[in-house]
C-alpha atoms as a PDB file:
ATOM      1  CA  MET A   1     -16.925   0.535   7.275  1.00  0.00           C
ATOM      2  CA  THR A   2     -17.803   1.853   3.860  1.00  0.00           C
ATOM      3  CA  PRO A   3     -16.743  -0.186   0.817  1.00  0.00           C
ATOM      4  CA  ALA A   4     -16.273   2.990  -1.246  1.00  0.00           C
ATOM      5  CA  LEU A   5     -12.482   3.177  -0.902  1.00  0.00           C
ATOM      6  CA  PRO A   6     -11.774  -0.445  -1.956  1.00  0.00           C
ATOM      7  CA  LEU A   7     -14.215  -0.053  -4.849  1.00  0.00           C
ATOM      8  CA  VAL A   8     -12.515   3.152  -5.999  1.00  0.00           C
ATOM      9  CA  LEU A   9      -9.103   1.459  -5.783  1.00  0.00           C
ATOM     10  CA  LEU A  10     -10.324  -1.551  -7.791  1.00  0.00           C
ATOM     11  CA  GLY A  11     -11.859   0.792 -10.363  1.00  0.00           C
ATOM     12  CA  ALA A  12      -8.660   2.811 -10.674  1.00  0.00           C
ATOM     13  CA  VAL A  13      -6.464  -0.280 -11.089  1.00  0.00           C
ATOM     14  CA  ASP A  14      -8.896  -1.716 -13.635  1.00  0.00           C
ATOM     15  CA  ALA A  15      -8.873   1.584 -15.542  1.00  0.00           C
ATOM     16  CA  ALA A  16      -5.071   1.566 -15.699  1.00  0.00           C
ATOM     17  CA  PHE A  17      -5.085  -2.009 -17.001  1.00  0.00           C
ATOM     18  CA  SER A  18      -7.773  -1.036 -19.523  1.00  0.00           C
ATOM     19  CA  GLY A  19      -5.565   1.760 -20.824  1.00  0.00           C
ATOM     20  CA  PHE A  20      -2.696  -0.698 -21.156  1.00  0.00           C
ATOM     21  CA  ARG A  21      -4.935  -3.208 -22.991  1.00  0.00           C
ATOM     22  CA  ALA A  22      -6.074  -0.484 -25.408  1.00  0.00           C
ATOM     23  CA  TYR A  23      -2.423   0.020 -26.379  1.00  0.00           C
ATOM     24  CA  ALA A  24      -1.071  -3.537 -26.114  1.00  0.00           C
ATOM     25  CA  GLY A  25       0.065  -5.106 -29.365  1.00  0.00           C
ATOM     26  CA  ARG A  26       0.156  -1.851 -31.329  1.00  0.00           C
ATOM     27  CA  ASP A  27       3.889  -1.269 -31.047  1.00  0.00           C
ATOM     28  CA  ALA A  28       6.550  -3.693 -32.247  1.00  0.00           C
ATOM     29  CA  ARG A  29       9.408  -2.082 -30.338  1.00  0.00           C
ATOM     30  CA  ILE A  30      11.073  -4.194 -27.673  1.00  0.00           C
ATOM     31  CA  ARG A  31      11.554  -1.442 -25.118  1.00  0.00           C
ATOM     32  CA  LYS A  32       8.228   0.260 -24.638  1.00  0.00           C
ATOM     33  CA  ARG A  33       8.023   0.878 -20.912  1.00  0.00           C
ATOM     34  CA  ARG A  34       7.349   4.593 -21.434  1.00  0.00           C
ATOM     35  CA  SER A  35       4.540   3.879 -23.913  1.00  0.00           C
ATOM     36  CA  ASN A  36       3.019   1.234 -21.634  1.00  0.00           C
ATOM     37  CA  THR A  37       3.118   3.653 -18.702  1.00  0.00           C
ATOM     38  CA  ARG A  38       1.562   6.420 -20.804  1.00  0.00           C
ATOM     39  CA  ALA A  39      -1.226   4.080 -21.901  1.00  0.00           C
ATOM     40  CA  ALA A  40      -1.914   3.006 -18.310  1.00  0.00           C
ATOM     41  CA  LEU A  41      -2.003   6.637 -17.173  1.00  0.00           C
ATOM     42  CA  ARG A  42      -4.410   7.494 -19.978  1.00  0.00           C
ATOM     43  CA  GLY A  43      -6.662   4.672 -18.851  1.00  0.00           C
ATOM     44  CA  LEU A  44      -6.402   5.857 -15.262  1.00  0.00           C
ATOM     45  CA  ALA A  45      -7.305   9.420 -16.251  1.00  0.00           C
ATOM     46  CA  VAL A  46     -10.310   8.347 -18.327  1.00  0.00           C
ATOM     47  CA  GLY A  47     -11.402   5.899 -15.635  1.00  0.00           C
ATOM     48  CA  THR A  48     -11.155   8.540 -12.920  1.00  0.00           C
ATOM     49  CA  VAL A  49     -13.432  10.857 -14.863  1.00  0.00           C
ATOM     50  CA  LEU A  50     -15.902   8.074 -15.680  1.00  0.00           C
ATOM     51  CA  LEU A  51     -16.004   6.860 -12.073  1.00  0.00           C
ATOM     52  CA  LEU A  52     -17.407  10.236 -11.086  1.00  0.00           C
ATOM     53  CA  ALA A  53     -20.713   9.084 -12.630  1.00  0.00           C
ATOM     54  CA  PRO A  54     -21.523   6.424  -9.986  1.00  0.00           C
ATOM     55  CA  ALA A  55     -20.335   8.779  -7.245  1.00  0.00           C
ATOM     56  CA  VAL A  56     -22.704  11.473  -8.481  1.00  0.00           C
ATOM     57  CA  THR A  57     -25.493   8.889  -8.778  1.00  0.00           C
ATOM     58  CA  ALA A  58     -24.975   7.824  -5.159  1.00  0.00           C
ATOM     59  CA  VAL A  59     -24.818  11.421  -3.901  1.00  0.00           C
ATOM     60  CA  VAL A  60     -28.000  12.368  -5.768  1.00  0.00           C
ATOM     61  CA  HIS A  61     -29.728   9.338  -4.279  1.00  0.00           C
ATOM     62  CA  LEU A  62     -28.592  10.283  -0.777  1.00  0.00           C
ATOM     63  CA  LEU A  63     -29.665  13.912  -1.196  1.00  0.00           C
ATOM     64  CA  THR A  64     -33.114  13.007  -2.504  1.00  0.00           C
ATOM     65  CA  ALA A  65     -33.827  10.114  -0.124  1.00  0.00           C
ATOM     66  CA  ALA A  66     -36.584  10.494   2.461  1.00  0.00           C
ATOM     67  CA  ASP A  67     -34.334   8.859   5.074  1.00  0.00           C
ATOM     68  CA  PRO A  68     -30.664   9.577   4.202  1.00  0.00           C
ATOM     69  CA  GLN A  69     -29.287   7.344   6.966  1.00  0.00           C
ATOM     70  CA  ARG A  70     -31.303   4.379   5.754  1.00  0.00           C
ATOM     71  CA  ALA A  71     -30.323   5.123   2.147  1.00  0.00           C
ATOM     72  CA  TYR A  72     -26.657   5.295   3.200  1.00  0.00           C
ATOM     73  CA  ALA A  73     -26.954   1.955   5.006  1.00  0.00           C
ATOM     74  CA  ALA A  74     -28.538   0.387   1.915  1.00  0.00           C
ATOM     75  CA  LEU A  75     -25.812   1.779  -0.357  1.00  0.00           C
ATOM     76  CA  THR A  76     -23.158   0.497   2.051  1.00  0.00           C
ATOM     77  CA  ALA A  77     -24.718  -2.973   2.072  1.00  0.00           C
ATOM     78  CA  GLY A  78     -24.984  -2.910  -1.705  1.00  0.00           C
ATOM     79  CA  GLY A  79     -21.385  -1.745  -2.036  1.00  0.00           C
ATOM     80  CA  SER A  80     -20.222  -4.626   0.150  1.00  0.00           C
ATOM     81  CA  GLY A  81     -22.192  -7.055  -2.004  1.00  0.00           C
ATOM     82  CA  TYR A  82     -20.717  -5.441  -5.111  1.00  0.00           C
ATOM     83  CA  LEU A  83     -17.213  -5.759  -3.708  1.00  0.00           C
ATOM     84  CA  ILE A  84     -17.300  -9.520  -3.025  1.00  0.00           C
ATOM     85  CA  PRO A  85     -17.420 -10.797  -6.656  1.00  0.00           C
ATOM     86  CA  LEU A  86     -14.974  -8.114  -7.771  1.00  0.00           C
ATOM     87  CA  THR A  87     -12.517  -9.104  -5.032  1.00  0.00           C
ATOM     88  CA  LEU A  88     -12.656 -12.730  -6.189  1.00  0.00           C
ATOM     89  CA  TYR A  89     -12.139 -11.630  -9.783  1.00  0.00           C
ATOM     90  CA  ALA A  90      -9.232  -9.340  -8.801  1.00  0.00           C
ATOM     91  CA  ALA A  91      -7.630 -12.193  -6.838  1.00  0.00           C
ATOM     92  CA  ALA A  92      -7.788 -14.436  -9.908  1.00  0.00           C
ATOM     93  CA  VAL A  93      -6.199 -11.687 -12.036  1.00  0.00           C
ATOM     94  CA  PHE A  94      -3.517 -11.114  -9.402  1.00  0.00           C
ATOM     95  CA  LEU A  95      -2.663 -14.842  -9.280  1.00  0.00           C
ATOM     96  CA  SER A  96      -2.441 -14.959 -13.057  1.00  0.00           C
ATOM     97  CA  LEU A  97      -0.173 -11.889 -13.099  1.00  0.00           C
ATOM     98  CA  ALA A  98       1.988 -13.347 -10.337  1.00  0.00           C
ATOM     99  CA  ALA A  99       2.348 -16.565 -12.333  1.00  0.00           C
ATOM    100  CA  TYR A 100       3.268 -14.530 -15.405  1.00  0.00           C
ATOM    101  CA  PHE A 101       5.999 -12.600 -13.603  1.00  0.00           C
ATOM    102  CA  LEU A 102       7.373 -15.389 -11.401  1.00  0.00           C
ATOM    103  CA  LEU A 103       7.318 -18.524 -13.546  1.00  0.00           C
ATOM    104  CA  PRO A 104       9.807 -19.452 -16.285  1.00  0.00           C
ATOM    105  CA  PHE A 105       9.106 -18.190 -19.800  1.00  0.00           C
ATOM    106  CA  ARG A 106       6.972 -21.053 -21.139  1.00  0.00           C
ATOM    107  CA  ALA A 107       4.959 -21.437 -17.964  1.00  0.00           C
ATOM    108  CA  SER A 108       4.442 -17.681 -17.736  1.00  0.00           C
ATOM    109  CA  THR A 109       3.212 -17.610 -21.321  1.00  0.00           C
ATOM    110  CA  LEU A 110       0.790 -20.406 -20.505  1.00  0.00           C
ATOM    111  CA  ALA A 111      -0.395 -18.457 -17.452  1.00  0.00           C
ATOM    112  CA  MET A 112      -1.027 -15.464 -19.695  1.00  0.00           C
ATOM    113  CA  VAL A 113      -2.964 -17.480 -22.265  1.00  0.00           C
ATOM    114  CA  ILE A 114      -5.140 -19.485 -19.887  1.00  0.00           C
ATOM    115  CA  GLY A 115      -5.372 -16.834 -17.175  1.00  0.00           C
ATOM    116  CA  LEU A 116      -5.367 -13.235 -18.303  1.00  0.00           C
ATOM    117  CA  GLY A 117      -6.924 -13.790 -21.718  1.00  0.00           C
ATOM    118  CA  PRO A 118     -10.124 -15.462 -20.500  1.00  0.00           C
ATOM    119  CA  LEU A 119     -10.270 -13.232 -17.428  1.00  0.00           C
ATOM    120  CA  THR A 120     -10.327 -10.181 -19.681  1.00  0.00           C
ATOM    121  CA  LEU A 121     -13.263 -11.650 -21.568  1.00  0.00           C
ATOM    122  CA  LEU A 122     -15.038 -12.387 -18.269  1.00  0.00           C
ATOM    123  CA  ARG A 123     -14.942  -8.755 -17.082  1.00  0.00           C
ATOM    124  CA  PRO A 124     -18.563  -8.017 -18.106  1.00  0.00           C
ATOM    125  CA  LEU A 125     -19.697 -11.158 -16.277  1.00  0.00           C
ATOM    126  CA  ALA A 126     -17.765 -10.086 -13.179  1.00  0.00           C
ATOM    127  CA  VAL A 127     -19.521  -6.707 -13.304  1.00  0.00           C
ATOM    128  CA  ALA A 128     -22.906  -8.438 -13.725  1.00  0.00           C
ATOM    129  CA  ALA A 129     -22.133 -10.684 -10.741  1.00  0.00           C
ATOM    130  CA  ALA A 130     -21.157  -7.601  -8.737  1.00  0.00           C
ATOM    131  CA  CYS A 131     -24.454  -5.895  -9.604  1.00  0.00           C
ATOM    132  CA  LEU A 132     -26.331  -9.016  -8.554  1.00  0.00           C
ATOM    133  CA  GLY A 133     -24.292  -9.098  -5.340  1.00  0.00           C
ATOM    134  CA  ALA A 134     -25.249  -5.485  -4.620  1.00  0.00           C
ATOM    135  CA  LEU A 135     -28.919  -6.335  -4.992  1.00  0.00           C
ATOM    136  CA  LEU A 136     -28.816  -9.599  -3.059  1.00  0.00           C
ATOM    137  CA  ASN A 137     -26.788  -8.173  -0.167  1.00  0.00           C
ATOM    138  CA  GLY A 138     -29.624  -5.837   0.752  1.00  0.00           C
ATOM    139  CA  GLY A 139     -28.596  -2.802  -1.236  1.00  0.00           C
ATOM    140  CA  GLY A 140     -31.882  -2.520  -3.082  1.00  0.00           C
ATOM    141  CA  TRP A 141     -32.524  -0.963  -6.440  1.00  0.00           C
ATOM    142  CA  ALA A 142     -30.536   2.169  -5.684  1.00  0.00           C
ATOM    143  CA  SER A 143     -27.394   0.088  -5.113  1.00  0.00           C
ATOM    144  CA  LEU A 144     -28.105  -1.810  -8.301  1.00  0.00           C
ATOM    145  CA  LEU A 145     -28.371   1.490 -10.188  1.00  0.00           C
ATOM    146  CA  VAL A 146     -25.111   2.818  -8.723  1.00  0.00           C
ATOM    147  CA  GLY A 147     -23.430  -0.527  -9.454  1.00  0.00           C
ATOM    148  CA  ALA A 148     -24.696  -0.600 -13.040  1.00  0.00           C
ATOM    149  CA  VAL A 149     -23.458   2.949 -13.638  1.00  0.00           C
ATOM    150  CA  ALA A 150     -20.077   2.002 -12.135  1.00  0.00           C
ATOM    151  CA  GLY A 151     -19.929  -1.150 -14.270  1.00  0.00           C
ATOM    152  CA  ALA A 152     -20.753   0.767 -17.437  1.00  0.00           C
ATOM    153  CA  ALA A 153     -18.078   3.321 -16.557  1.00  0.00           C
ATOM    154  CA  VAL A 154     -15.391   0.697 -15.950  1.00  0.00           C
ATOM    155  CA  LEU A 155     -16.252  -1.259 -19.090  1.00  0.00           C
ATOM    156  CA  SER A 156     -16.157   1.939 -21.181  1.00  0.00           C
ATOM    157  CA  VAL A 157     -12.578   2.896 -20.347  1.00  0.00           C
ATOM    158  CA  GLU A 158     -10.801   0.599 -22.806  1.00  0.00           C
ATOM    159  CA  PRO A 159     -12.968   1.459 -25.852  1.00  0.00           C
ATOM    160  CA  LEU A 160     -12.721   5.173 -25.103  1.00  0.00           C
ATOM    161  CA  VAL A 161      -8.938   5.103 -24.680  1.00  0.00           C
ATOM    162  CA  HIS A 162      -8.608   3.025 -27.836  1.00  0.00           C
ATOM    163  CA  HIS A 163     -10.845   5.374 -29.816  1.00  0.00           C
ATOM    164  CA  ARG A 164      -9.126   8.531 -28.571  1.00  0.00           C
ATOM    165  CA  TRP A 165      -5.469   7.507 -28.844  1.00  0.00           C
ATOM    166  CA  TYR A 166      -4.916   4.140 -30.499  1.00  0.00           C
ATOM    167  CA  ARG A 167      -7.264   3.551 -33.398  1.00  0.00           C
ATOM    168  CA  PRO A 168      -5.438   2.986 -36.676  1.00  0.00           C
ATOM    169  CA  ALA A 169      -4.599   6.109 -38.658  1.00  0.00           C
ATOM    170  CA  HIS A 170      -6.262   4.840 -41.843  1.00  0.00           C
ATOM    171  CA  GLU A 171      -9.495   4.310 -39.931  1.00  0.00           C
ATOM    172  CA  ALA A 172      -9.410   7.844 -38.570  1.00  0.00           C
ATOM    173  CA  GLY A 173      -8.602   9.327 -41.970  1.00  0.00           C
ATOM    174  CA  SER A 174     -11.367   7.504 -43.802  1.00  0.00           C
ATOM    175  CA  ARG A 175     -13.959   8.940 -41.433  1.00  0.00           C
ATOM    176  CA  THR A 176     -12.774  12.519 -41.645  1.00  0.00           C
ATOM    177  CA  CYS A 177     -12.041  12.627 -45.365  1.00  0.00           C
ATOM    178  CA  GLY A 178     -15.045  10.648 -46.524  1.00  0.00           C
ATOM    179  CA  ASN A 179     -12.904   8.203 -48.536  1.00  0.00           C
ATOM    180  CA  ASN A 180     -14.378   5.083 -47.031  1.00  0.00           C
ATOM    181  CA  ARG A 181     -13.744   2.476 -49.689  1.00  0.00           C
ATOM    182  CA  PHE A 182     -15.947  -0.003 -47.825  1.00  0.00           C
ATOM    183  CA  ALA A 183     -19.022   2.202 -47.952  1.00  0.00           C
ATOM    184  CA  PHE A 184     -22.122   0.595 -49.371  1.00  0.00           C
ATOM    185  CA  HIS A 185     -23.741   2.307 -52.335  1.00  0.00           C
ATOM    186  CA  ARG A 186     -27.242   1.860 -53.587  1.00  0.00           C
ATOM    187  CA  PRO A 187     -27.518   0.560 -57.123  1.00  0.00           C
ATOM    188  CA  GLY A 188     -28.092   3.404 -59.544  1.00  0.00           C
ATOM    189  CA  ALA A 189     -26.973   6.049 -57.093  1.00  0.00           C
END
């Protein structure tokens, strides 16, 4: 069985969460379900486009390989190795989310602080572990390349969504108008 479908699903869910994280904390309203949903959908859309890059990388590798069946087997083995660390990471995130939604207020807040906060910071390490898993599981350098492209795509979703839709207005205006009051000037210029 090919690990492509579970990897795509994990990437899509991660992209939706990345869109939500790009928006989180920017709105003081109490009821913001529509805004949260819009942010998650923006992340999903950006992530879907970015996840085409590893798919194209894998297809190009398969089309240019001397032995496509062997290349496919190596990519499948690498994808399985890539999936193992990400599944463990996703399980930890799921448990933290379950604790957040199911526990009383104080305990759920604690679950958020000690669970989801550090897990968000560990995302690049989870991607690095997945790339190492792809290599060590017999995927070879082609699987490592596809995994690195996929990791870069997934880790780029949140900054891109933030930059496109949620950066502060004063920051956007200072770049377009040239009124950057924090610009450094050379003496005598």
